[in-house]
């Protein structure tokens, strides 16, 4: 946590970026010719999760708000593993960032939910970065704030750093609408399959269930 907090916040431009909004996740590999950076910000009590397989380099970023934590963790685990099935070496590593000492203790609740959800997974997951809740808290005039609101991960180098994003596309307004409707989880899955054919999947199954 200390190492991540000590880094300056970088401004990430749109080229090569796939921005992840609240209740979304994105996953890709170093072979992706279009996306080199996954990023998300505007996290207060929300937590940002990076899950990476060190063998395949498959990397996932999700913006979790506690709406369905166990389901979201299971989804990102299966997604990263699906890009790592042919890799005979490597391990799963997770980085947790976000939250602060809020009065309602929503951050601590989400931290506990995430730790439990990863602990319930049948695969070994190695916790590498833990910069959440009290470890991501600063105080000014008796008011608590997060230190880090956003992060980015370089898919090719595995570097993770504090970040902010001038543009949050594609389709920022359309993708934001699902949160206003009360959808629990949205999947924004960016993947390379079929000999580098780029595929984009956007599924809102909670909205479908609500119909």
N, C-alpha and C. Protein backbone atom coordinates (compact mmCIF):
# COMPACT_ATOMS: atom_id res chain seq x y z
N UNK A 1 0.83 -1.20 0.00
CA UNK A 1 0.00 0.00 0.00
C UNK A 1 0.87 1.26 0.00
N UNK A 2 1.92 1.25 0.79
CA UNK A 2 2.77 2.43 0.90
C UNK A 2 3.42 2.78 -0.43
N UNK A 3 3.87 1.77 -1.15
CA UNK A 3 4.51 2.00 -2.45
C UNK A 3 3.53 2.60 -3.44
N UNK A 4 2.32 2.08 -3.49
CA UNK A 4 1.32 2.60 -4.43
C UNK A 4 0.92 4.03 -4.05
N UNK A 5 0.73 4.28 -2.77
CA UNK A 5 0.34 5.62 -2.33
C UNK A 5 1.40 6.67 -2.62
N UNK A 6 2.66 6.25 -2.66
CA UNK A 6 3.76 7.20 -2.87
C UNK A 6 3.91 7.63 -4.32
N UNK A 7 3.26 6.93 -5.24
CA UNK A 7 3.40 7.25 -6.66
C UNK A 7 2.51 8.43 -7.04
N UNK A 8 2.98 9.29 -7.94
CA UNK A 8 2.13 10.40 -8.41
C UNK A 8 1.00 9.89 -9.28
N UNK A 9 -0.10 10.60 -9.27
CA UNK A 9 -1.24 10.24 -10.12
C UNK A 9 -0.94 10.63 -11.56
N UNK A 10 -1.08 9.68 -12.47
CA UNK A 10 -0.82 9.92 -13.88
C UNK A 10 -2.12 10.18 -14.63
N UNK A 11 -2.06 11.09 -15.59
CA UNK A 11 -3.19 11.34 -16.48
C UNK A 11 -3.08 10.39 -17.66
N UNK A 12 -4.09 9.55 -17.86
CA UNK A 12 -4.06 8.55 -18.93
C UNK A 12 -4.94 9.03 -20.08
N UNK A 13 -4.35 9.18 -21.24
CA UNK A 13 -5.07 9.63 -22.42
C UNK A 13 -5.83 8.47 -23.07
N UNK A 14 -6.79 8.76 -23.94
CA UNK A 14 -7.67 7.72 -24.47
C UNK A 14 -6.99 6.65 -25.32
N UNK A 15 -5.90 7.00 -26.02
CA UNK A 15 -5.29 6.03 -26.93
C UNK A 15 -4.81 4.79 -26.17
N UNK A 16 -5.29 3.64 -26.58
CA UNK A 16 -4.90 2.38 -25.96
C UNK A 16 -5.60 2.09 -24.65
N UNK A 17 -6.53 2.95 -24.25
CA UNK A 17 -7.21 2.80 -22.95
C UNK A 17 -8.58 2.18 -23.12
N UNK A 18 -8.92 1.26 -22.23
CA UNK A 18 -10.30 0.82 -22.05
C UNK A 18 -10.71 1.19 -20.63
N UNK A 19 -11.65 2.11 -20.54
CA UNK A 19 -12.09 2.60 -19.24
C UNK A 19 -13.20 1.71 -18.70
N UNK A 20 -13.11 1.38 -17.42
CA UNK A 20 -14.07 0.50 -16.76
C UNK A 20 -14.92 1.32 -15.80
N UNK A 21 -16.22 1.29 -15.99
CA UNK A 21 -17.12 2.03 -15.12
C UNK A 21 -17.58 1.17 -13.95
N UNK A 22 -18.32 1.80 -13.05
CA UNK A 22 -18.86 1.09 -11.88
C UNK A 22 -19.73 -0.09 -12.33
N UNK A 23 -19.55 -1.24 -11.65
CA UNK A 23 -20.27 -2.48 -11.96
C UNK A 23 -19.91 -3.05 -13.32
N UNK A 24 -18.72 -2.78 -13.80
CA UNK A 24 -18.22 -3.37 -15.03
C UNK A 24 -16.89 -4.05 -14.75
N UNK A 25 -16.51 -4.95 -15.66
CA UNK A 25 -15.13 -5.40 -15.65
C UNK A 25 -14.66 -5.61 -17.08
N UNK A 26 -13.35 -5.55 -17.25
CA UNK A 26 -12.75 -5.77 -18.56
C UNK A 26 -11.57 -6.72 -18.40
N UNK A 27 -11.39 -7.57 -19.39
CA UNK A 27 -10.26 -8.51 -19.35
C UNK A 27 -9.65 -8.61 -20.74
N UNK A 28 -8.32 -8.64 -20.79
CA UNK A 28 -7.62 -8.79 -22.05
C UNK A 28 -6.24 -9.40 -21.78
N UNK A 29 -5.43 -9.51 -22.82
CA UNK A 29 -4.10 -10.11 -22.70
C UNK A 29 -3.06 -9.19 -23.33
N UNK A 30 -1.77 -9.46 -23.10
CA UNK A 30 -0.72 -8.63 -23.71
C UNK A 30 -0.72 -8.68 -25.23
N UNK A 31 -1.38 -9.66 -25.83
CA UNK A 31 -1.43 -9.76 -27.29
C UNK A 31 -2.42 -8.80 -27.93
N UNK A 32 -3.18 -8.11 -27.11
CA UNK A 32 -4.19 -7.18 -27.61
C UNK A 32 -3.51 -6.04 -28.36
N UNK A 33 -3.87 -5.86 -29.62
CA UNK A 33 -3.29 -4.79 -30.42
C UNK A 33 -3.99 -3.46 -30.27
N UNK A 34 -5.13 -3.44 -29.58
CA UNK A 34 -5.90 -2.21 -29.44
C UNK A 34 -5.87 -1.64 -28.03
N UNK A 35 -5.87 -2.50 -27.04
CA UNK A 35 -5.93 -2.06 -25.64
C UNK A 35 -4.63 -2.41 -24.92
N UNK A 36 -3.99 -1.41 -24.37
CA UNK A 36 -2.77 -1.64 -23.58
C UNK A 36 -2.95 -1.22 -22.13
N UNK A 37 -3.99 -0.41 -21.85
CA UNK A 37 -4.23 0.08 -20.49
C UNK A 37 -5.69 -0.18 -20.12
N UNK A 38 -5.90 -0.75 -18.94
CA UNK A 38 -7.22 -0.83 -18.33
C UNK A 38 -7.25 0.15 -17.17
N UNK A 39 -8.32 0.91 -17.04
CA UNK A 39 -8.34 1.90 -15.97
C UNK A 39 -9.73 2.20 -15.45
N UNK A 40 -9.79 2.73 -14.24
CA UNK A 40 -11.05 3.14 -13.64
C UNK A 40 -10.76 4.14 -12.53
N UNK A 41 -11.71 5.04 -12.27
CA UNK A 41 -11.53 5.98 -11.16
C UNK A 41 -12.89 6.35 -10.57
N UNK A 42 -12.95 7.46 -9.86
CA UNK A 42 -14.17 7.88 -9.15
C UNK A 42 -14.59 6.87 -8.09
N UNK A 43 -13.63 6.18 -7.51
CA UNK A 43 -13.92 5.20 -6.46
C UNK A 43 -13.76 5.86 -5.09
N UNK A 44 -14.81 5.89 -4.32
CA UNK A 44 -14.73 6.38 -2.93
C UNK A 44 -14.84 5.18 -2.00
N UNK A 45 -16.07 4.73 -1.71
CA UNK A 45 -16.20 3.49 -0.94
C UNK A 45 -16.03 2.28 -1.85
N UNK A 46 -16.18 2.45 -3.16
CA UNK A 46 -15.97 1.35 -4.10
C UNK A 46 -14.52 0.87 -4.05
N UNK A 47 -14.30 -0.37 -4.49
CA UNK A 47 -12.96 -0.93 -4.57
C UNK A 47 -12.64 -1.27 -6.03
N UNK A 48 -11.40 -1.04 -6.42
CA UNK A 48 -10.90 -1.40 -7.74
C UNK A 48 -10.04 -2.65 -7.60
N UNK A 49 -10.30 -3.63 -8.45
CA UNK A 49 -9.63 -4.92 -8.35
C UNK A 49 -8.90 -5.21 -9.65
N UNK A 50 -7.64 -5.56 -9.54
CA UNK A 50 -6.87 -6.06 -10.68
C UNK A 50 -6.54 -7.52 -10.40
N UNK A 51 -6.96 -8.39 -11.30
CA UNK A 51 -6.65 -9.81 -11.21
C UNK A 51 -5.83 -10.18 -12.44
N UNK A 52 -4.69 -10.81 -12.22
CA UNK A 52 -3.78 -11.10 -13.33
C UNK A 52 -3.19 -12.49 -13.18
N UNK A 53 -3.05 -13.19 -14.31
CA UNK A 53 -2.36 -14.47 -14.35
C UNK A 53 -0.94 -14.22 -14.85
N UNK A 54 0.05 -14.55 -14.04
CA UNK A 54 1.43 -14.21 -14.36
C UNK A 54 1.97 -15.00 -15.54
N UNK A 55 1.38 -16.14 -15.86
CA UNK A 55 1.84 -16.93 -16.98
C UNK A 55 1.34 -16.40 -18.31
N UNK A 56 0.04 -16.28 -18.44
CA UNK A 56 -0.56 -15.82 -19.70
C UNK A 56 -0.55 -14.30 -19.84
N UNK A 57 -0.46 -13.60 -18.71
CA UNK A 57 -0.55 -12.15 -18.73
C UNK A 57 -1.98 -11.64 -18.81
N UNK A 58 -2.96 -12.56 -18.84
CA UNK A 58 -4.36 -12.15 -18.87
C UNK A 58 -4.65 -11.27 -17.66
N UNK A 59 -5.25 -10.12 -17.91
CA UNK A 59 -5.44 -9.11 -16.86
C UNK A 59 -6.88 -8.63 -16.85
N UNK A 60 -7.43 -8.52 -15.66
CA UNK A 60 -8.80 -8.05 -15.48
C UNK A 60 -8.81 -6.88 -14.51
N UNK A 61 -9.63 -5.89 -14.81
CA UNK A 61 -9.88 -4.78 -13.90
C UNK A 61 -11.38 -4.66 -13.70
N UNK A 62 -11.81 -4.56 -12.45
CA UNK A 62 -13.23 -4.37 -12.16
C UNK A 62 -13.42 -3.26 -11.14
N UNK A 63 -14.56 -2.58 -11.24
CA UNK A 63 -14.94 -1.50 -10.33
C UNK A 63 -16.12 -2.02 -9.51
N UNK A 64 -15.85 -2.43 -8.29
CA UNK A 64 -16.81 -3.16 -7.47
C UNK A 64 -17.42 -2.24 -6.42
N UNK A 65 -18.75 -2.25 -6.34
CA UNK A 65 -19.43 -1.40 -5.36
C UNK A 65 -20.19 -2.20 -4.30
N UNK A 66 -20.01 -3.51 -4.30
CA UNK A 66 -20.65 -4.34 -3.28
C UNK A 66 -22.04 -4.79 -3.62
N UNK A 67 -22.50 -4.56 -4.85
CA UNK A 67 -23.86 -4.93 -5.21
C UNK A 67 -24.05 -6.44 -5.27
N UNK A 68 -23.03 -7.17 -5.71
CA UNK A 68 -23.08 -8.64 -5.74
C UNK A 68 -21.64 -9.15 -5.79
N UNK A 69 -20.95 -9.01 -4.68
CA UNK A 69 -19.50 -9.20 -4.64
C UNK A 69 -19.08 -10.61 -4.99
N UNK A 70 -19.73 -11.61 -4.40
CA UNK A 70 -19.32 -12.99 -4.66
C UNK A 70 -19.50 -13.36 -6.12
N UNK A 71 -20.60 -12.93 -6.73
CA UNK A 71 -20.83 -13.22 -8.14
C UNK A 71 -19.79 -12.53 -9.01
N UNK A 72 -19.45 -11.30 -8.67
CA UNK A 72 -18.49 -10.56 -9.47
C UNK A 72 -17.10 -11.18 -9.39
N UNK A 73 -16.70 -11.60 -8.21
CA UNK A 73 -15.39 -12.25 -8.06
C UNK A 73 -15.35 -13.55 -8.85
N UNK A 74 -16.42 -14.33 -8.79
CA UNK A 74 -16.46 -15.58 -9.56
C UNK A 74 -16.37 -15.31 -11.06
N UNK A 75 -17.01 -14.24 -11.53
CA UNK A 75 -16.97 -13.89 -12.95
C UNK A 75 -15.57 -13.50 -13.41
N UNK A 76 -14.91 -12.67 -12.63
CA UNK A 76 -13.58 -12.24 -13.07
C UNK A 76 -12.58 -13.39 -12.97
N UNK A 77 -12.76 -14.27 -12.00
CA UNK A 77 -11.89 -15.44 -11.90
C UNK A 77 -12.03 -16.32 -13.13
N UNK A 78 -13.27 -16.63 -13.50
CA UNK A 78 -13.48 -17.50 -14.65
C UNK A 78 -13.01 -16.85 -15.95
N UNK A 79 -13.15 -15.53 -16.05
CA UNK A 79 -12.72 -14.84 -17.26
C UNK A 79 -11.20 -14.88 -17.43
N UNK A 80 -10.47 -14.58 -16.37
CA UNK A 80 -9.01 -14.62 -16.45
C UNK A 80 -8.53 -16.05 -16.70
N UNK A 81 -9.14 -17.01 -16.05
CA UNK A 81 -8.75 -18.41 -16.24
C UNK A 81 -9.02 -18.88 -17.66
N UNK A 82 -10.07 -18.35 -18.28
CA UNK A 82 -10.40 -18.77 -19.65
C UNK A 82 -9.33 -18.36 -20.64
N UNK A 83 -8.55 -17.33 -20.32
CA UNK A 83 -7.45 -16.90 -21.18
C UNK A 83 -6.12 -17.52 -20.77
N UNK A 84 -6.16 -18.39 -19.77
CA UNK A 84 -4.92 -18.96 -19.24
C UNK A 84 -4.92 -20.48 -19.26
N UNK A 85 -5.92 -21.08 -19.92
CA UNK A 85 -6.05 -22.54 -19.89
C UNK A 85 -4.88 -23.25 -20.54
N UNK A 86 -4.28 -22.64 -21.55
CA UNK A 86 -3.19 -23.30 -22.28
C UNK A 86 -1.83 -22.99 -21.69
N UNK A 87 -1.81 -22.18 -20.64
CA UNK A 87 -0.54 -21.81 -20.01
C UNK A 87 -0.21 -22.80 -18.91
N UNK A 88 0.96 -23.40 -19.00
CA UNK A 88 1.33 -24.42 -18.03
C UNK A 88 2.05 -23.90 -16.81
N UNK A 89 2.17 -22.61 -16.67
CA UNK A 89 2.88 -22.05 -15.52
C UNK A 89 2.22 -20.73 -15.13
N UNK A 90 2.65 -20.20 -14.00
CA UNK A 90 2.12 -18.91 -13.54
C UNK A 90 1.13 -19.08 -12.41
N UNK A 91 0.75 -17.94 -11.82
CA UNK A 91 -0.19 -17.95 -10.71
C UNK A 91 -1.14 -16.77 -10.83
N UNK A 92 -2.22 -16.82 -10.10
CA UNK A 92 -3.19 -15.73 -10.06
C UNK A 92 -2.81 -14.74 -8.97
N UNK A 93 -2.71 -13.47 -9.34
CA UNK A 93 -2.37 -12.41 -8.37
C UNK A 93 -3.48 -11.37 -8.36
N UNK A 94 -3.80 -10.87 -7.18
CA UNK A 94 -4.86 -9.88 -7.06
C UNK A 94 -4.34 -8.63 -6.35
N UNK A 95 -4.83 -7.49 -6.81
CA UNK A 95 -4.48 -6.19 -6.23
C UNK A 95 -5.79 -5.50 -5.86
N UNK A 96 -5.94 -5.09 -4.61
CA UNK A 96 -7.15 -4.44 -4.12
C UNK A 96 -6.84 -3.00 -3.73
N UNK A 97 -7.59 -2.06 -4.29
CA UNK A 97 -7.36 -0.64 -4.04
C UNK A 97 -8.71 0.06 -3.88
N UNK A 98 -8.81 0.94 -2.89
CA UNK A 98 -10.02 1.76 -2.78
C UNK A 98 -10.59 1.81 -1.38
N UNK A 99 -11.61 2.62 -1.23
CA UNK A 99 -12.26 2.78 0.06
C UNK A 99 -11.50 3.74 0.97
N UNK A 100 -12.11 4.05 2.10
CA UNK A 100 -11.50 4.91 3.11
C UNK A 100 -12.28 4.72 4.40
N UNK A 101 -11.94 5.43 5.45
CA UNK A 101 -12.63 5.31 6.73
C UNK A 101 -13.91 6.14 6.73
N UNK A 102 -14.89 5.70 6.00
CA UNK A 102 -16.15 6.43 5.92
C UNK A 102 -17.00 6.17 7.17
N UNK A 103 -17.86 7.12 7.49
CA UNK A 103 -18.65 7.05 8.72
C UNK A 103 -19.56 5.83 8.78
N UNK A 104 -20.07 5.41 7.63
CA UNK A 104 -21.01 4.28 7.60
C UNK A 104 -20.31 2.94 7.49
N UNK A 105 -18.97 2.98 7.40
CA UNK A 105 -18.15 1.76 7.32
C UNK A 105 -18.51 0.89 6.10
N UNK A 106 -18.95 1.55 5.03
CA UNK A 106 -19.25 0.81 3.81
C UNK A 106 -17.98 0.25 3.18
N UNK A 107 -16.88 1.01 3.28
CA UNK A 107 -15.61 0.55 2.72
C UNK A 107 -15.14 -0.72 3.41
N UNK A 108 -15.19 -0.72 4.74
CA UNK A 108 -14.73 -1.89 5.48
C UNK A 108 -15.60 -3.11 5.18
N UNK A 109 -16.89 -2.88 5.03
CA UNK A 109 -17.80 -3.98 4.69
C UNK A 109 -17.43 -4.59 3.35
N UNK A 110 -17.14 -3.73 2.36
CA UNK A 110 -16.78 -4.23 1.03
C UNK A 110 -15.43 -4.93 1.06
N UNK A 111 -14.48 -4.39 1.81
CA UNK A 111 -13.19 -5.06 1.96
C UNK A 111 -13.38 -6.47 2.49
N UNK A 112 -14.18 -6.62 3.52
CA UNK A 112 -14.44 -7.93 4.11
C UNK A 112 -15.12 -8.87 3.12
N UNK A 113 -16.07 -8.34 2.35
CA UNK A 113 -16.76 -9.15 1.35
C UNK A 113 -15.79 -9.68 0.30
N UNK A 114 -14.90 -8.81 -0.16
CA UNK A 114 -13.94 -9.21 -1.19
C UNK A 114 -12.97 -10.26 -0.68
N UNK A 115 -12.45 -10.07 0.51
CA UNK A 115 -11.52 -11.05 1.07
C UNK A 115 -12.20 -12.41 1.22
N UNK A 116 -13.43 -12.40 1.66
CA UNK A 116 -14.16 -13.65 1.81
C UNK A 116 -14.42 -14.29 0.45
N UNK A 117 -14.81 -13.48 -0.54
CA UNK A 117 -15.12 -14.01 -1.86
C UNK A 117 -13.90 -14.67 -2.50
N UNK A 118 -12.74 -14.04 -2.38
CA UNK A 118 -11.52 -14.66 -2.93
C UNK A 118 -11.11 -15.88 -2.13
N UNK A 119 -11.34 -15.86 -0.83
CA UNK A 119 -11.00 -17.01 0.01
C UNK A 119 -11.86 -18.22 -0.35
N UNK A 120 -13.06 -18.00 -0.84
CA UNK A 120 -13.96 -19.09 -1.20
C UNK A 120 -13.64 -19.71 -2.56
N UNK A 121 -12.76 -19.08 -3.33
CA UNK A 121 -12.43 -19.60 -4.65
C UNK A 121 -11.64 -20.90 -4.55
N UNK A 122 -11.90 -21.85 -5.45
CA UNK A 122 -11.16 -23.12 -5.41
C UNK A 122 -9.70 -22.98 -5.82
N UNK A 123 -9.36 -21.91 -6.53
CA UNK A 123 -7.98 -21.69 -6.97
C UNK A 123 -7.22 -20.84 -5.96
N UNK A 124 -5.91 -21.04 -5.91
CA UNK A 124 -5.07 -20.19 -5.07
C UNK A 124 -4.95 -18.80 -5.71
N UNK A 125 -5.20 -17.78 -4.93
CA UNK A 125 -5.07 -16.40 -5.38
C UNK A 125 -4.13 -15.68 -4.43
N UNK A 126 -3.08 -15.08 -4.97
CA UNK A 126 -2.05 -14.44 -4.15
C UNK A 126 -2.34 -12.94 -4.05
N UNK A 127 -2.53 -12.45 -2.84
CA UNK A 127 -2.80 -11.03 -2.60
C UNK A 127 -1.47 -10.27 -2.64
N UNK A 128 -1.31 -9.41 -3.64
CA UNK A 128 -0.05 -8.70 -3.85
C UNK A 128 -0.13 -7.25 -3.36
N UNK A 129 -1.24 -6.59 -3.65
CA UNK A 129 -1.43 -5.20 -3.23
C UNK A 129 -2.70 -5.09 -2.40
N UNK A 130 -2.58 -4.46 -1.23
CA UNK A 130 -3.73 -4.30 -0.33
C UNK A 130 -3.74 -2.85 0.15
N UNK A 131 -4.39 -2.00 -0.64
CA UNK A 131 -4.43 -0.56 -0.35
C UNK A 131 -5.89 -0.14 -0.24
N UNK A 132 -6.53 -0.58 0.83
CA UNK A 132 -7.97 -0.39 0.99
C UNK A 132 -8.30 0.18 2.35
N UNK A 133 -9.46 0.85 2.41
CA UNK A 133 -10.06 1.35 3.65
C UNK A 133 -9.04 2.16 4.46
N UNK A 134 -8.65 1.73 5.65
CA UNK A 134 -7.76 2.57 6.47
C UNK A 134 -6.38 2.74 5.85
N UNK A 135 -5.98 1.83 4.96
CA UNK A 135 -4.69 1.95 4.28
C UNK A 135 -4.76 2.91 3.09
N UNK A 136 -5.96 3.37 2.76
CA UNK A 136 -6.14 4.32 1.66
C UNK A 136 -6.86 5.57 2.17
N UNK A 137 -6.63 5.92 3.41
CA UNK A 137 -7.37 6.99 4.07
C UNK A 137 -6.47 8.18 4.40
N UNK A 138 -7.00 9.37 4.18
CA UNK A 138 -6.34 10.59 4.64
C UNK A 138 -7.39 11.46 5.34
N UNK A 139 -6.92 12.32 6.23
CA UNK A 139 -7.84 13.13 7.02
C UNK A 139 -7.46 14.60 6.93
N UNK A 140 -8.45 15.43 6.66
CA UNK A 140 -8.27 16.88 6.61
C UNK A 140 -9.39 17.54 7.42
N UNK A 141 -9.01 18.25 8.46
CA UNK A 141 -9.98 18.96 9.31
C UNK A 141 -11.08 18.01 9.79
N UNK A 142 -10.64 16.84 10.27
CA UNK A 142 -11.53 15.83 10.84
C UNK A 142 -12.47 15.19 9.81
N UNK A 143 -12.18 15.38 8.53
CA UNK A 143 -12.96 14.75 7.47
C UNK A 143 -12.07 13.76 6.74
N UNK A 144 -12.59 12.55 6.53
CA UNK A 144 -11.80 11.49 5.89
C UNK A 144 -12.06 11.46 4.38
N UNK A 145 -10.99 11.19 3.63
CA UNK A 145 -11.04 11.08 2.18
C UNK A 145 -10.16 9.91 1.73
N UNK A 146 -10.46 9.33 0.55
CA UNK A 146 -9.52 8.35 -0.01
C UNK A 146 -8.24 9.05 -0.48
N UNK A 147 -7.14 8.34 -0.44
CA UNK A 147 -5.90 8.83 -1.03
C UNK A 147 -5.91 8.59 -2.53
N UNK A 148 -6.26 7.38 -2.92
CA UNK A 148 -6.29 6.99 -4.33
C UNK A 148 -7.74 6.79 -4.75
N UNK A 149 -8.14 7.50 -5.79
CA UNK A 149 -9.50 7.38 -6.32
C UNK A 149 -9.55 6.52 -7.59
N UNK A 150 -8.41 6.39 -8.28
CA UNK A 150 -8.40 5.67 -9.53
C UNK A 150 -7.06 5.02 -9.79
N UNK A 151 -7.08 3.94 -10.55
CA UNK A 151 -5.85 3.25 -10.93
C UNK A 151 -5.91 2.84 -12.39
N UNK A 152 -4.74 2.56 -12.94
CA UNK A 152 -4.62 1.98 -14.27
C UNK A 152 -3.63 0.83 -14.19
N UNK A 153 -3.80 -0.13 -15.07
CA UNK A 153 -2.85 -1.24 -15.17
C UNK A 153 -2.41 -1.36 -16.62
N UNK A 154 -1.10 -1.42 -16.81
CA UNK A 154 -0.53 -1.65 -18.13
C UNK A 154 -0.54 -3.15 -18.38
N UNK A 155 -1.33 -3.56 -19.34
CA UNK A 155 -1.53 -4.99 -19.58
C UNK A 155 -0.24 -5.67 -20.02
N UNK A 156 0.62 -4.95 -20.71
CA UNK A 156 1.83 -5.55 -21.25
C UNK A 156 2.95 -5.64 -20.22
N UNK A 157 3.01 -4.70 -19.28
CA UNK A 157 4.10 -4.69 -18.29
C UNK A 157 3.65 -5.07 -16.89
N UNK A 158 2.35 -5.11 -16.66
CA UNK A 158 1.75 -5.41 -15.35
C UNK A 158 1.91 -4.27 -14.35
N UNK A 159 2.37 -3.11 -14.79
CA UNK A 159 2.52 -1.96 -13.89
C UNK A 159 1.15 -1.43 -13.48
N UNK A 160 0.99 -1.17 -12.19
CA UNK A 160 -0.24 -0.58 -11.65
C UNK A 160 0.12 0.76 -11.02
N UNK A 161 -0.66 1.80 -11.30
CA UNK A 161 -0.33 3.13 -10.80
C UNK A 161 -1.60 3.95 -10.60
N UNK A 162 -1.57 4.93 -9.67
CA UNK A 162 -2.71 5.83 -9.51
C UNK A 162 -2.94 6.61 -10.80
N UNK A 163 -4.20 6.81 -11.15
CA UNK A 163 -4.48 7.42 -12.45
C UNK A 163 -5.79 8.19 -12.44
N UNK A 164 -5.87 9.12 -13.37
CA UNK A 164 -7.11 9.83 -13.66
C UNK A 164 -7.28 9.86 -15.17
N UNK A 165 -8.53 10.04 -15.63
CA UNK A 165 -8.84 9.84 -17.04
C UNK A 165 -9.69 10.99 -17.57
N UNK A 166 -9.15 11.79 -18.50
CA UNK A 166 -9.93 12.90 -19.07
C UNK A 166 -11.15 12.41 -19.84
N UNK A 167 -11.04 11.24 -20.48
CA UNK A 167 -12.16 10.67 -21.23
C UNK A 167 -12.45 9.27 -20.70
N UNK A 168 -13.74 8.93 -20.62
CA UNK A 168 -14.14 7.69 -19.97
C UNK A 168 -15.03 6.85 -20.88
N UNK A 169 -14.69 6.84 -22.15
CA UNK A 169 -15.46 6.08 -23.13
C UNK A 169 -14.92 4.68 -23.29
N UNK A 170 -15.46 3.95 -24.26
CA UNK A 170 -16.48 4.41 -25.21
C UNK A 170 -17.89 4.38 -24.62
N UNK A 171 -18.79 5.19 -25.20
CA UNK A 171 -20.22 5.20 -24.85
C UNK A 171 -20.43 5.42 -23.36
N UNK A 172 -19.80 6.46 -22.83
CA UNK A 172 -19.86 6.70 -21.38
C UNK A 172 -21.29 6.86 -20.88
N UNK A 173 -22.09 7.68 -21.54
CA UNK A 173 -23.45 7.93 -21.06
C UNK A 173 -24.31 6.68 -21.11
N UNK A 174 -24.20 5.93 -22.20
CA UNK A 174 -24.99 4.71 -22.35
C UNK A 174 -24.62 3.69 -21.29
N UNK A 175 -23.34 3.53 -21.06
CA UNK A 175 -22.89 2.54 -20.09
C UNK A 175 -23.21 2.96 -18.66
N UNK A 176 -23.29 4.26 -18.41
CA UNK A 176 -23.62 4.73 -17.06
C UNK A 176 -25.09 4.52 -16.73
N UNK A 177 -25.93 4.41 -17.74
CA UNK A 177 -27.37 4.35 -17.51
C UNK A 177 -27.78 3.13 -16.70
N UNK A 178 -27.03 2.03 -16.82
CA UNK A 178 -27.45 0.81 -16.13
C UNK A 178 -27.38 0.96 -14.62
N UNK A 179 -26.48 1.81 -14.12
CA UNK A 179 -26.40 2.03 -12.67
C UNK A 179 -27.63 2.76 -12.18
N UNK A 180 -28.11 3.73 -12.96
CA UNK A 180 -29.29 4.50 -12.58
C UNK A 180 -30.54 3.64 -12.57
N UNK A 181 -30.57 2.58 -13.38
CA UNK A 181 -31.73 1.70 -13.42
C UNK A 181 -31.72 0.66 -12.32
N UNK A 182 -30.61 0.59 -11.59
CA UNK A 182 -30.54 -0.36 -10.48
C UNK A 182 -29.98 -1.71 -10.85
N UNK A 183 -29.38 -1.83 -12.03
CA UNK A 183 -28.77 -3.10 -12.41
C UNK A 183 -27.67 -3.47 -11.44
N UNK A 184 -27.58 -4.73 -11.09
CA UNK A 184 -26.64 -5.14 -10.05
C UNK A 184 -25.23 -5.33 -10.60
N UNK A 185 -25.10 -5.99 -11.75
CA UNK A 185 -23.78 -6.22 -12.32
C UNK A 185 -23.86 -6.07 -13.83
N UNK A 186 -22.93 -5.34 -14.39
CA UNK A 186 -22.80 -5.25 -15.84
C UNK A 186 -21.45 -5.81 -16.23
N UNK A 187 -21.40 -6.54 -17.32
CA UNK A 187 -20.15 -7.14 -17.75
C UNK A 187 -19.67 -6.43 -19.00
N UNK A 188 -18.50 -5.86 -18.90
CA UNK A 188 -17.90 -5.18 -20.04
C UNK A 188 -16.62 -5.95 -20.32
N UNK A 189 -16.71 -6.90 -21.25
CA UNK A 189 -15.64 -7.88 -21.40
C UNK A 189 -14.95 -7.68 -22.74
N UNK A 190 -13.70 -7.31 -22.67
CA UNK A 190 -12.91 -7.03 -23.87
C UNK A 190 -11.94 -8.19 -24.03
N UNK A 191 -11.99 -8.85 -25.16
CA UNK A 191 -11.23 -10.09 -25.28
C UNK A 191 -10.66 -10.26 -26.67
N UNK A 192 -9.56 -11.00 -26.74
CA UNK A 192 -9.00 -11.38 -28.03
C UNK A 192 -9.19 -12.89 -28.21
N UNK A 193 -9.84 -13.27 -29.28
CA UNK A 193 -10.07 -14.68 -29.56
C UNK A 193 -9.94 -14.90 -31.06
N UNK A 194 -9.92 -16.16 -31.47
CA UNK A 194 -9.96 -16.52 -32.86
C UNK A 194 -8.86 -15.82 -33.66
N UNK A 195 -7.61 -16.09 -33.28
CA UNK A 195 -6.45 -15.57 -33.99
C UNK A 195 -6.48 -14.04 -34.06
N UNK A 196 -6.53 -13.45 -32.89
CA UNK A 196 -6.43 -12.00 -32.71
C UNK A 196 -7.64 -11.22 -33.22
N UNK A 197 -8.76 -11.90 -33.48
CA UNK A 197 -9.98 -11.15 -33.78
C UNK A 197 -10.46 -10.50 -32.49
N UNK A 198 -10.73 -9.21 -32.54
CA UNK A 198 -11.12 -8.47 -31.35
C UNK A 198 -12.62 -8.54 -31.18
N UNK A 199 -13.05 -8.99 -30.01
CA UNK A 199 -14.47 -9.14 -29.73
C UNK A 199 -14.84 -8.29 -28.53
N UNK A 200 -16.02 -7.67 -28.58
CA UNK A 200 -16.49 -6.85 -27.47
C UNK A 200 -17.85 -7.35 -27.04
N UNK A 201 -17.97 -7.69 -25.77
CA UNK A 201 -19.23 -8.18 -25.22
C UNK A 201 -19.69 -7.24 -24.13
N UNK A 202 -20.97 -6.89 -24.18
CA UNK A 202 -21.53 -6.04 -23.13
C UNK A 202 -22.86 -6.63 -22.73
N UNK A 203 -22.94 -7.20 -21.55
CA UNK A 203 -24.12 -7.92 -21.12
C UNK A 203 -24.63 -7.33 -19.83
N UNK A 204 -25.92 -7.09 -19.76
CA UNK A 204 -26.53 -6.60 -18.53
C UNK A 204 -27.60 -7.60 -18.12
N UNK A 205 -27.19 -8.67 -17.47
CA UNK A 205 -28.14 -9.72 -17.19
C UNK A 205 -29.09 -9.35 -16.06
N UNK A 206 -28.70 -8.43 -15.21
CA UNK A 206 -29.63 -8.01 -14.16
C UNK A 206 -30.82 -7.26 -14.75
N UNK A 207 -30.57 -6.47 -15.80
CA UNK A 207 -31.67 -5.78 -16.45
C UNK A 207 -32.62 -6.77 -17.12
N UNK A 208 -32.06 -7.82 -17.71
CA UNK A 208 -32.89 -8.82 -18.36
C UNK A 208 -33.76 -9.54 -17.33
N UNK A 209 -33.17 -9.84 -16.18
CA UNK A 209 -33.93 -10.53 -15.14
C UNK A 209 -35.04 -9.65 -14.58
N UNK A 210 -34.85 -8.33 -14.66
CA UNK A 210 -35.83 -7.42 -14.09
C UNK A 210 -37.06 -7.25 -14.99
N UNK A 211 -36.95 -7.70 -16.22
CA UNK A 211 -38.07 -7.51 -17.16
C UNK A 211 -39.21 -8.48 -16.86
